C-alpha atoms as a PDB file:
ATOM      1  CA  MET A   1      12.357  -9.625 -19.836  1.00  0.00           C
ATOM      2  CA  LEU A   2      13.641 -12.072 -17.241  1.00  0.00           C
ATOM      3  CA  GLY A   3      11.779 -10.242 -14.478  1.00  0.00           C
ATOM      4  CA  LEU A   4       8.563 -10.260 -16.462  1.00  0.00           C
ATOM      5  CA  GLY A   5       8.952 -13.987 -17.115  1.00  0.00           C
ATOM      6  CA  MET A   6       9.494 -14.605 -13.423  1.00  0.00           C
ATOM      7  CA  ILE A   7       6.367 -12.650 -12.516  1.00  0.00           C
ATOM      8  CA  ILE A   8       4.267 -14.504 -15.089  1.00  0.00           C
ATOM      9  CA  GLY A   9       5.697 -17.820 -13.919  1.00  0.00           C
ATOM     10  CA  ALA A  10       4.928 -16.998 -10.293  1.00  0.00           C
ATOM     11  CA  ALA A  11       1.347 -16.048 -11.170  1.00  0.00           C
ATOM     12  CA  ILE A  12       0.820 -19.267 -13.137  1.00  0.00           C
ATOM     13  CA  GLY A  13       2.389 -21.309 -10.357  1.00  0.00           C
ATOM     14  CA  ALA A  14       0.150 -19.653  -7.761  1.00  0.00           C
ATOM     15  CA  GLY A  15      -2.905 -20.416  -9.880  1.00  0.00           C
ATOM     16  CA  VAL A  16      -1.942 -24.060 -10.284  1.00  0.00           C
ATOM     17  CA  ALA A  17      -1.232 -24.326  -6.547  1.00  0.00           C
ATOM     18  CA  LEU A  18      -4.681 -22.925  -5.762  1.00  0.00           C
ATOM     19  CA  LEU A  19      -6.347 -25.427  -8.069  1.00  0.00           C
ATOM     20  CA  ALA A  20      -4.388 -28.366  -6.686  1.00  0.00           C
ATOM     21  CA  ALA A  21      -4.660 -27.269  -3.021  1.00  0.00           C
ATOM     22  CA  PRO A  22      -5.722 -30.035  -0.617  1.00  0.00           C
ATOM     23  CA  GLN A  23      -8.080 -27.750   1.283  1.00  0.00           C
ATOM     24  CA  SER A  24     -11.531 -26.331   0.732  1.00  0.00           C
ATOM     25  CA  GLY A  25     -12.183 -23.137  -1.179  1.00  0.00           C
ATOM     26  CA  GLU A  26     -13.132 -21.312   2.019  1.00  0.00           C
ATOM     27  CA  GLU A  27      -9.879 -22.300   3.708  1.00  0.00           C
ATOM     28  CA  THR A  28      -7.943 -21.250   0.626  1.00  0.00           C
ATOM     29  CA  ARG A  29      -9.702 -17.875   0.536  1.00  0.00           C
ATOM     30  CA  ASP A  30      -8.940 -17.386   4.237  1.00  0.00           C
ATOM     31  CA  ARG A  31      -5.277 -18.138   3.629  1.00  0.00           C
ATOM     32  CA  ILE A  32      -5.198 -15.706   0.695  1.00  0.00           C
ATOM     33  CA  ARG A  33      -6.963 -13.044   2.774  1.00  0.00           C
ATOM     34  CA  ASN A  34      -4.483 -13.478   5.623  1.00  0.00           C
ATOM     35  CA  ARG A  35      -1.537 -13.370   3.250  1.00  0.00           C
ATOM     36  CA  VAL A  36      -2.801 -10.159   1.626  1.00  0.00           C
ATOM     37  CA  ARG A  37      -3.242  -8.556   5.061  1.00  0.00           C
ATOM     38  CA  HIS A  38       0.279  -9.617   5.979  1.00  0.00           C
ATOM     39  CA  VAL A  39       1.757  -8.198   2.775  1.00  0.00           C
ATOM     40  CA  ARG A  40      -0.218  -4.959   3.137  1.00  0.00           C
ATOM     41  CA  GLY A  41       1.125  -4.591   6.649  1.00  0.00           C
ATOM     42  CA  ARG A  42       4.672  -4.832   5.342  1.00  0.00           C
ATOM     43  CA  TYR A  43       3.955  -2.397   2.549  1.00  0.00           C
ATOM     44  CA  THR A  44       2.477   0.042   5.023  1.00  0.00           C
ATOM     45  CA  LEU A  45       5.591  -0.305   7.160  1.00  0.00           C
ATOM     46  CA  TRP A  46       7.819   0.459   4.170  1.00  0.00           C
ATOM     47  CA  GLU A  47       5.546   3.301   3.190  1.00  0.00           C
ATOM     48  CA  ARG A  48       5.842   4.781   6.687  1.00  0.00           C
ATOM     49  CA  LEU A  49       9.608   4.372   6.602  1.00  0.00           C
ATOM     50  CA  GLY A  50       9.759   6.169   3.240  1.00  0.00           C
ATOM     51  CA  ARG A  51       7.684   9.067   4.549  1.00  0.00           C
ATOM     52  CA  GLU A  52       9.863   9.307   7.665  1.00  0.00           C
ATOM     53  CA  LEU A  53      13.046   9.368   5.575  1.00  0.00           C
ATOM     54  CA  LYS A  54      11.618  12.098   3.346  1.00  0.00           C
ATOM     55  CA  ARG A  55      10.593  14.114   6.413  1.00  0.00           C
ATOM     56  CA  ALA A  56      14.064  13.727   7.958  1.00  0.00           C
ATOM     57  CA  ALA A  57      15.748  14.817   4.718  1.00  0.00           C
ATOM     58  CA  SER A  58      13.447  17.821   4.476  1.00  0.00           C
ATOM     59  CA  LEU A  59      14.210  18.861   8.068  1.00  0.00           C
ATOM     60  CA  ARG A  60      17.931  18.500   7.417  1.00  0.00           C
ATOM     61  CA  ARG A  61      17.695  20.719   4.311  1.00  0.00           C
ATOM     62  CA  LYS A  62      15.727  23.326   6.257  1.00  0.00           C
ATOM     63  CA  ARG A  63      18.265  23.312   9.112  1.00  0.00           C
ATOM     64  CA  GLU A  64      21.147  23.662   6.664  1.00  0.00           C
ATOM     65  CA  LEU A  65      19.394  26.552   4.897  1.00  0.00           C
ATOM     66  CA  LEU A  66      18.719  28.287   8.218  1.00  0.00           C
ATOM     67  CA  ARG A  67      22.343  27.788   9.306  1.00  0.00           C
ATOM     68  CA  ARG A  68      23.617  29.312   6.052  1.00  0.00           C
ATOM     69  CA  GLN A  69      21.259  32.266   6.363  1.00  0.00           C
ATOM     70  CA  GLN A  70      22.449  32.883   9.923  1.00  0.00           C
ATOM     71  CA  GLU A  71      26.086  32.701   8.821  1.00  0.00           C
ATOM     72  CA  GLU A  72      25.427  35.165   5.990  1.00  0.00           C
ATOM     73  CA  GLN A  73      23.640  37.527   8.376  1.00  0.00           C
ATOM     74  CA  GLN A  74      26.512  37.346  10.897  1.00  0.00           C
ATOM     75  CA  LEU A  75      29.036  37.984   8.133  1.00  0.00           C
ATOM     76  CA  ALA A  76      27.038  40.986   6.893  1.00  0.00           C
ATOM     77  CA  GLU A  77      26.833  42.369  10.447  1.00  0.00           C
ATOM     78  CA  ARG A  78      30.608  41.938  10.948  1.00  0.00           C
ATOM     79  CA  GLU A  79      31.339  43.652   7.634  1.00  0.00           C
ATOM     80  CA  LYS A  80      29.029  46.539   8.555  1.00  0.00           C
ATOM     81  CA  ALA A  81      30.685  46.867  11.968  1.00  0.00           C
ATOM     82  CA  GLU A  82      34.125  46.914  10.324  1.00  0.00           C
ATOM     83  CA  ARG A  83      33.002  49.586   7.830  1.00  0.00           C
ATOM     84  CA  ASP A  84      31.485  51.665  10.622  1.00  0.00           C
ATOM     85  CA  ALA A  85      34.694  51.325  12.657  1.00  0.00           C
ATOM     86  CA  ARG A  86      36.801  52.548   9.718  1.00  0.00           C
ATOM     87  CA  VAL A  87      34.647  55.599   9.157  1.00  0.00           C
ATOM     88  CA  THR A  88      35.364  58.012  11.986  1.00  0.00           C
ATOM     89  CA  PRO A  89      33.212  61.072  12.374  1.00  0.00           C
ATOM     90  CA  VAL A  90      35.141  64.344  12.325  1.00  0.00           C
END
């Protein structure tokens, strides 16, 4: 509830600030436009960072899976070689 109250308060405060602004409507719109562009740029940066982190985690999982598969294959080959060495043709 506190967070919601803060958001509502910020929105009301922003509205009052726009109405009481000492500049023209065009200047105010330009400032808002610039601020939105600035915020979008940050969001895009965070979005890119999130995608990069997901990609890195995915690559790490794939590498770990491949490493385990290789270890299992090597173990199976060693076990087969040991079995073949124990069985001597007569």
